[in-house]
Amino acid sequence: MAIPAKLQNEIRQFQRLQAELTQYSEQRLQMDLKLRETVHTLDALKGLPEETPLYRPIGSLLVRAKDRKEIEELLTEEKETLEVRVRALERQEGHLKERYTQMQKELSEALQSAGLAGAAAPTEG
């Protein structure tokens, strides 16, 4: 039995949404990993003796920092930026998950009513 063109189009839209959701999830995980690394670096910095020489990246070079405060400020700013980005990605991912769940339900119902329930039923992703 052939799948109607309208339903094929909806399945393609669902697949695009699924890919977009995967992309946002991966981005959020990467940002979260960077955030954890930055927090860990800030914590490690607190345990270093004051006289320890510290360096900061400028492009592909490492340049000696003026003082500990300079590094702490850079890391704190990076941490705050990453926190904002992670929250934004989490919100977007949440909206996409809601759309995904709704679209999955609608497609399943449409496939069932067309008598194609097992033919191309969308799967949980």
N, C-alpha and C. Protein backbone atom coordinates (compact mmCIF):
# COMPACT_ATOMS: atom_id res chain seq x y z
N MET A 1 0.84 -1.17 0.00
CA MET A 1 0.00 0.00 0.00
C MET A 1 0.89 1.24 0.00
N ALA A 2 0.63 2.19 -0.86
CA ALA A 2 1.44 3.40 -0.98
C ALA A 2 1.07 4.41 0.10
N ILE A 3 2.06 5.13 0.55
CA ILE A 3 1.84 6.17 1.55
C ILE A 3 1.46 7.45 0.82
N PRO A 4 0.35 8.09 1.21
CA PRO A 4 -0.07 9.32 0.54
C PRO A 4 1.03 10.39 0.61
N ALA A 5 1.07 11.24 -0.43
CA ALA A 5 2.11 12.27 -0.55
C ALA A 5 2.13 13.20 0.66
N LYS A 6 0.97 13.58 1.16
CA LYS A 6 0.90 14.48 2.33
C LYS A 6 1.56 13.82 3.53
N LEU A 7 1.31 12.55 3.72
CA LEU A 7 1.88 11.81 4.84
C LEU A 7 3.39 11.64 4.66
N GLN A 8 3.83 11.41 3.42
CA GLN A 8 5.27 11.31 3.15
C GLN A 8 5.97 12.62 3.51
N ASN A 9 5.33 13.73 3.17
CA ASN A 9 5.88 15.05 3.50
C ASN A 9 5.96 15.23 5.02
N GLU A 10 4.94 14.83 5.73
CA GLU A 10 4.95 14.94 7.19
C GLU A 10 6.04 14.06 7.80
N ILE A 11 6.27 12.91 7.23
CA ILE A 11 7.33 12.02 7.72
C ILE A 11 8.69 12.66 7.49
N ARG A 12 8.88 13.29 6.34
CA ARG A 12 10.15 13.99 6.07
C ARG A 12 10.35 15.14 7.06
N GLN A 13 9.29 15.89 7.35
CA GLN A 13 9.38 16.97 8.33
C GLN A 13 9.75 16.41 9.71
N PHE A 14 9.16 15.29 10.05
CA PHE A 14 9.45 14.63 11.33
C PHE A 14 10.92 14.21 11.38
N GLN A 15 11.44 13.69 10.29
CA GLN A 15 12.84 13.27 10.25
C GLN A 15 13.77 14.47 10.38
N ARG A 16 13.41 15.60 9.75
CA ARG A 16 14.22 16.83 9.89
C ARG A 16 14.21 17.31 11.33
N LEU A 17 13.04 17.25 11.95
CA LEU A 17 12.92 17.65 13.35
C LEU A 17 13.77 16.75 14.24
N GLN A 18 13.76 15.47 13.94
CA GLN A 18 14.56 14.51 14.70
C GLN A 18 16.06 14.84 14.57
N ALA A 19 16.51 15.18 13.37
CA ALA A 19 17.91 15.54 13.14
C ALA A 19 18.26 16.83 13.88
N GLU A 20 17.35 17.80 13.85
CA GLU A 20 17.58 19.07 14.55
C GLU A 20 17.66 18.85 16.06
N LEU A 21 16.81 18.01 16.58
CA LEU A 21 16.83 17.69 18.01
C LEU A 21 18.15 17.03 18.39
N THR A 22 18.62 16.12 17.57
CA THR A 22 19.91 15.47 17.82
C THR A 22 21.04 16.50 17.82
N GLN A 23 20.99 17.42 16.88
CA GLN A 23 22.02 18.46 16.78
C GLN A 23 22.03 19.34 18.03
N TYR A 24 20.85 19.76 18.50
CA TYR A 24 20.79 20.59 19.70
C TYR A 24 21.28 19.81 20.92
N SER A 25 20.94 18.54 21.00
CA SER A 25 21.40 17.72 22.12
C SER A 25 22.91 17.61 22.15
N GLU A 26 23.51 17.41 20.98
CA GLU A 26 24.97 17.32 20.89
C GLU A 26 25.63 18.64 21.25
N GLN A 27 25.07 19.75 20.78
CA GLN A 27 25.62 21.06 21.11
C GLN A 27 25.56 21.32 22.61
N ARG A 28 24.41 20.96 23.21
CA ARG A 28 24.25 21.17 24.65
C ARG A 28 25.27 20.34 25.42
N LEU A 29 25.48 19.10 25.00
CA LEU A 29 26.45 18.25 25.68
C LEU A 29 27.87 18.82 25.56
N GLN A 30 28.21 19.34 24.39
CA GLN A 30 29.54 19.94 24.20
C GLN A 30 29.72 21.17 25.09
N MET A 31 28.70 22.03 25.13
CA MET A 31 28.78 23.23 25.96
C MET A 31 28.85 22.86 27.44
N ASP A 32 28.09 21.85 27.82
CA ASP A 32 28.09 21.39 29.21
C ASP A 32 29.48 20.86 29.59
N LEU A 33 30.10 20.13 28.68
CA LEU A 33 31.45 19.62 28.92
C LEU A 33 32.45 20.77 29.08
N LYS A 34 32.36 21.77 28.22
CA LYS A 34 33.24 22.94 28.33
C LYS A 34 33.01 23.66 29.66
N LEU A 35 31.74 23.76 30.06
CA LEU A 35 31.42 24.42 31.32
C LEU A 35 32.04 23.67 32.50
N ARG A 36 31.89 22.37 32.51
CA ARG A 36 32.48 21.56 33.60
C ARG A 36 34.00 21.71 33.64
N GLU A 37 34.61 21.73 32.47
CA GLU A 37 36.06 21.89 32.38
C GLU A 37 36.49 23.25 32.93
N THR A 38 35.73 24.29 32.61
CA THR A 38 36.04 25.63 33.09
C THR A 38 35.90 25.72 34.61
N VAL A 39 34.84 25.13 35.14
CA VAL A 39 34.63 25.12 36.59
C VAL A 39 35.77 24.35 37.27
N HIS A 40 36.14 23.23 36.69
CA HIS A 40 37.24 22.43 37.24
C HIS A 40 38.54 23.24 37.23
N THR A 41 38.80 23.97 36.16
CA THR A 41 40.00 24.79 36.05
C THR A 41 39.99 25.89 37.11
N LEU A 42 38.83 26.54 37.30
CA LEU A 42 38.74 27.56 38.34
C LEU A 42 39.02 26.98 39.72
N ASP A 43 38.48 25.81 40.00
CA ASP A 43 38.72 25.14 41.28
C ASP A 43 40.19 24.79 41.45
N ALA A 44 40.81 24.28 40.39
CA ALA A 44 42.23 23.92 40.44
C ALA A 44 43.10 25.15 40.66
N LEU A 45 42.69 26.27 40.08
CA LEU A 45 43.44 27.52 40.22
C LEU A 45 43.50 27.96 41.68
N LYS A 46 42.41 27.75 42.39
CA LYS A 46 42.35 28.15 43.80
C LYS A 46 43.34 27.36 44.66
N GLY A 47 43.70 26.14 44.23
CA GLY A 47 44.61 25.32 44.99
C GLY A 47 46.08 25.54 44.69
N LEU A 48 46.37 26.38 43.71
CA LEU A 48 47.77 26.64 43.34
C LEU A 48 48.38 27.71 44.23
N PRO A 49 49.66 27.58 44.54
CA PRO A 49 50.34 28.63 45.30
C PRO A 49 50.33 29.95 44.52
N GLU A 50 50.32 31.06 45.23
CA GLU A 50 50.26 32.40 44.61
C GLU A 50 51.40 32.65 43.63
N GLU A 51 52.57 32.11 43.91
CA GLU A 51 53.74 32.39 43.07
C GLU A 51 53.80 31.53 41.80
N THR A 52 52.86 30.62 41.61
CA THR A 52 52.86 29.77 40.42
C THR A 52 52.65 30.62 39.17
N PRO A 53 53.56 30.50 38.18
CA PRO A 53 53.36 31.26 36.94
C PRO A 53 52.16 30.71 36.17
N LEU A 54 51.33 31.60 35.69
CA LEU A 54 50.12 31.22 34.95
C LEU A 54 50.18 31.80 33.55
N TYR A 55 49.62 31.06 32.61
CA TYR A 55 49.62 31.46 31.21
C TYR A 55 48.19 31.46 30.69
N ARG A 56 47.95 32.31 29.69
CA ARG A 56 46.63 32.33 29.06
C ARG A 56 46.83 32.25 27.55
N PRO A 57 45.87 31.63 26.88
CA PRO A 57 46.00 31.50 25.41
C PRO A 57 45.65 32.80 24.70
N ILE A 58 46.45 33.12 23.71
CA ILE A 58 46.13 34.19 22.76
C ILE A 58 46.38 33.57 21.39
N GLY A 59 45.29 33.20 20.75
CA GLY A 59 45.40 32.45 19.49
C GLY A 59 46.04 31.11 19.79
N SER A 60 47.10 30.80 19.09
CA SER A 60 47.77 29.52 19.32
C SER A 60 49.00 29.68 20.23
N LEU A 61 49.15 30.87 20.83
CA LEU A 61 50.26 31.13 21.74
C LEU A 61 49.79 31.09 23.19
N LEU A 62 50.71 30.75 24.08
CA LEU A 62 50.46 30.88 25.51
C LEU A 62 51.32 32.04 26.01
N VAL A 63 50.67 33.02 26.63
CA VAL A 63 51.35 34.21 27.11
C VAL A 63 51.21 34.26 28.63
N ARG A 64 52.31 34.59 29.29
CA ARG A 64 52.28 34.66 30.74
C ARG A 64 51.30 35.75 31.19
N ALA A 65 50.42 35.39 32.11
CA ALA A 65 49.43 36.33 32.62
C ALA A 65 50.08 37.30 33.60
N LYS A 66 49.49 38.50 33.69
CA LYS A 66 50.01 39.51 34.62
C LYS A 66 49.94 38.99 36.06
N ASP A 67 48.78 38.44 36.38
CA ASP A 67 48.58 37.93 37.73
C ASP A 67 47.43 36.93 37.74
N ARG A 68 47.22 36.33 38.89
CA ARG A 68 46.16 35.33 39.07
C ARG A 68 44.79 35.93 38.80
N LYS A 69 44.59 37.18 39.19
CA LYS A 69 43.30 37.83 39.02
C LYS A 69 42.89 37.86 37.54
N GLU A 70 43.83 38.12 36.65
CA GLU A 70 43.55 38.16 35.21
C GLU A 70 42.98 36.82 34.74
N ILE A 71 43.60 35.73 35.17
CA ILE A 71 43.13 34.39 34.78
C ILE A 71 41.77 34.08 35.39
N GLU A 72 41.60 34.43 36.65
CA GLU A 72 40.31 34.20 37.32
C GLU A 72 39.19 34.95 36.61
N GLU A 73 39.44 36.19 36.21
CA GLU A 73 38.43 36.99 35.51
C GLU A 73 38.08 36.37 34.15
N LEU A 74 39.11 35.95 33.42
CA LEU A 74 38.86 35.31 32.12
C LEU A 74 38.03 34.04 32.27
N LEU A 75 38.41 33.21 33.23
CA LEU A 75 37.69 31.94 33.44
C LEU A 75 36.28 32.17 33.95
N THR A 76 36.09 33.14 34.84
CA THR A 76 34.76 33.44 35.37
C THR A 76 33.85 33.95 34.26
N GLU A 77 34.39 34.81 33.41
CA GLU A 77 33.61 35.32 32.28
C GLU A 77 33.22 34.19 31.33
N GLU A 78 34.18 33.31 31.06
CA GLU A 78 33.89 32.17 30.18
C GLU A 78 32.83 31.27 30.81
N LYS A 79 32.93 31.03 32.10
CA LYS A 79 31.96 30.19 32.83
C LYS A 79 30.55 30.79 32.71
N GLU A 80 30.43 32.09 32.93
CA GLU A 80 29.12 32.75 32.85
C GLU A 80 28.55 32.67 31.44
N THR A 81 29.38 32.88 30.45
CA THR A 81 28.94 32.79 29.05
C THR A 81 28.45 31.38 28.73
N LEU A 82 29.21 30.39 29.17
CA LEU A 82 28.82 29.00 28.91
C LEU A 82 27.53 28.63 29.64
N GLU A 83 27.34 29.13 30.84
CA GLU A 83 26.10 28.86 31.57
C GLU A 83 24.88 29.39 30.82
N VAL A 84 25.01 30.60 30.28
CA VAL A 84 23.92 31.20 29.50
C VAL A 84 23.65 30.36 28.25
N ARG A 85 24.70 29.95 27.56
CA ARG A 85 24.54 29.17 26.33
C ARG A 85 23.91 27.80 26.63
N VAL A 86 24.34 27.16 27.72
CA VAL A 86 23.77 25.86 28.07
C VAL A 86 22.28 26.00 28.38
N ARG A 87 21.90 27.03 29.15
CA ARG A 87 20.48 27.24 29.46
C ARG A 87 19.66 27.48 28.20
N ALA A 88 20.20 28.29 27.28
CA ALA A 88 19.49 28.57 26.03
C ALA A 88 19.31 27.29 25.20
N LEU A 89 20.35 26.48 25.12
CA LEU A 89 20.26 25.21 24.38
C LEU A 89 19.29 24.25 25.05
N GLU A 90 19.27 24.23 26.38
CA GLU A 90 18.32 23.37 27.10
C GLU A 90 16.88 23.77 26.81
N ARG A 91 16.63 25.09 26.80
CA ARG A 91 15.27 25.57 26.50
C ARG A 91 14.86 25.17 25.08
N GLN A 92 15.75 25.42 24.12
CA GLN A 92 15.45 25.09 22.73
C GLN A 92 15.25 23.59 22.56
N GLU A 93 16.09 22.81 23.21
CA GLU A 93 15.96 21.35 23.15
C GLU A 93 14.63 20.91 23.73
N GLY A 94 14.20 21.54 24.82
CA GLY A 94 12.91 21.22 25.43
C GLY A 94 11.75 21.49 24.48
N HIS A 95 11.79 22.65 23.81
CA HIS A 95 10.74 22.98 22.84
C HIS A 95 10.71 21.97 21.70
N LEU A 96 11.89 21.60 21.22
CA LEU A 96 11.96 20.63 20.12
C LEU A 96 11.45 19.27 20.56
N LYS A 97 11.75 18.87 21.79
CA LYS A 97 11.25 17.58 22.31
C LYS A 97 9.73 17.57 22.37
N GLU A 98 9.14 18.70 22.79
CA GLU A 98 7.68 18.79 22.82
C GLU A 98 7.10 18.65 21.42
N ARG A 99 7.67 19.38 20.46
CA ARG A 99 7.21 19.28 19.06
C ARG A 99 7.39 17.87 18.54
N TYR A 100 8.53 17.26 18.87
CA TYR A 100 8.83 15.90 18.41
C TYR A 100 7.78 14.92 18.93
N THR A 101 7.49 14.99 20.21
CA THR A 101 6.51 14.09 20.82
C THR A 101 5.13 14.27 20.19
N GLN A 102 4.73 15.54 20.00
CA GLN A 102 3.43 15.82 19.40
C GLN A 102 3.37 15.32 17.96
N MET A 103 4.41 15.58 17.21
CA MET A 103 4.45 15.16 15.80
C MET A 103 4.47 13.63 15.70
N GLN A 104 5.19 12.99 16.60
CA GLN A 104 5.25 11.53 16.61
C GLN A 104 3.85 10.95 16.84
N LYS A 105 3.13 11.53 17.78
CA LYS A 105 1.76 11.08 18.08
C LYS A 105 0.85 11.27 16.86
N GLU A 106 0.94 12.46 16.26
CA GLU A 106 0.09 12.76 15.10
C GLU A 106 0.41 11.84 13.92
N LEU A 107 1.69 11.58 13.68
CA LEU A 107 2.07 10.69 12.59
C LEU A 107 1.60 9.26 12.84
N SER A 108 1.74 8.81 14.06
CA SER A 108 1.28 7.46 14.38
C SER A 108 -0.22 7.32 14.14
N GLU A 109 -0.96 8.34 14.57
CA GLU A 109 -2.41 8.32 14.35
C GLU A 109 -2.74 8.37 12.86
N ALA A 110 -2.03 9.20 12.10
CA ALA A 110 -2.28 9.31 10.66
C ALA A 110 -1.96 8.00 9.95
N LEU A 111 -0.87 7.37 10.35
CA LEU A 111 -0.50 6.08 9.74
C LEU A 111 -1.52 5.00 10.08
N GLN A 112 -1.98 5.03 11.31
CA GLN A 112 -3.00 4.05 11.71
C GLN A 112 -4.29 4.24 10.92
N SER A 113 -4.71 5.48 10.81
CA SER A 113 -5.97 5.74 10.09
C SER A 113 -5.84 5.44 8.60
N ALA A 114 -4.62 5.49 8.08
CA ALA A 114 -4.40 5.17 6.67
C ALA A 114 -4.17 3.67 6.49
N GLY A 115 -4.21 2.94 7.60
CA GLY A 115 -4.01 1.49 7.53
C GLY A 115 -2.54 1.12 7.31
N LEU A 116 -1.64 1.99 7.70
CA LEU A 116 -0.21 1.76 7.48
C LEU A 116 0.57 1.74 8.79
N ALA A 117 -0.07 1.36 9.86
CA ALA A 117 0.53 1.47 11.20
C ALA A 117 1.92 0.88 11.29
N GLY A 118 2.20 -0.25 10.69
CA GLY A 118 3.52 -0.84 10.80
C GLY A 118 4.46 -0.49 9.68
N ALA A 119 3.95 0.21 8.66
CA ALA A 119 4.74 0.46 7.44
C ALA A 119 5.90 1.41 7.68
N ALA A 120 5.63 2.55 8.27
CA ALA A 120 6.69 3.54 8.43
C ALA A 120 6.47 4.33 9.71
N ALA A 121 6.08 3.64 10.76
CA ALA A 121 5.81 4.31 12.03
C ALA A 121 7.08 4.96 12.56
N PRO A 122 6.98 6.22 12.95
CA PRO A 122 8.14 6.89 13.50
C PRO A 122 8.56 6.24 14.82
N THR A 123 9.85 6.23 15.05
CA THR A 123 10.36 5.61 16.27
C THR A 123 10.84 6.66 17.24
N GLU A 124 10.85 6.32 18.49
CA GLU A 124 11.33 7.21 19.54
C GLU A 124 12.80 7.46 19.33
N GLY A 125 13.25 8.72 19.38
CA GLY A 125 14.64 9.04 19.10
C GLY A 125 15.35 9.76 20.17
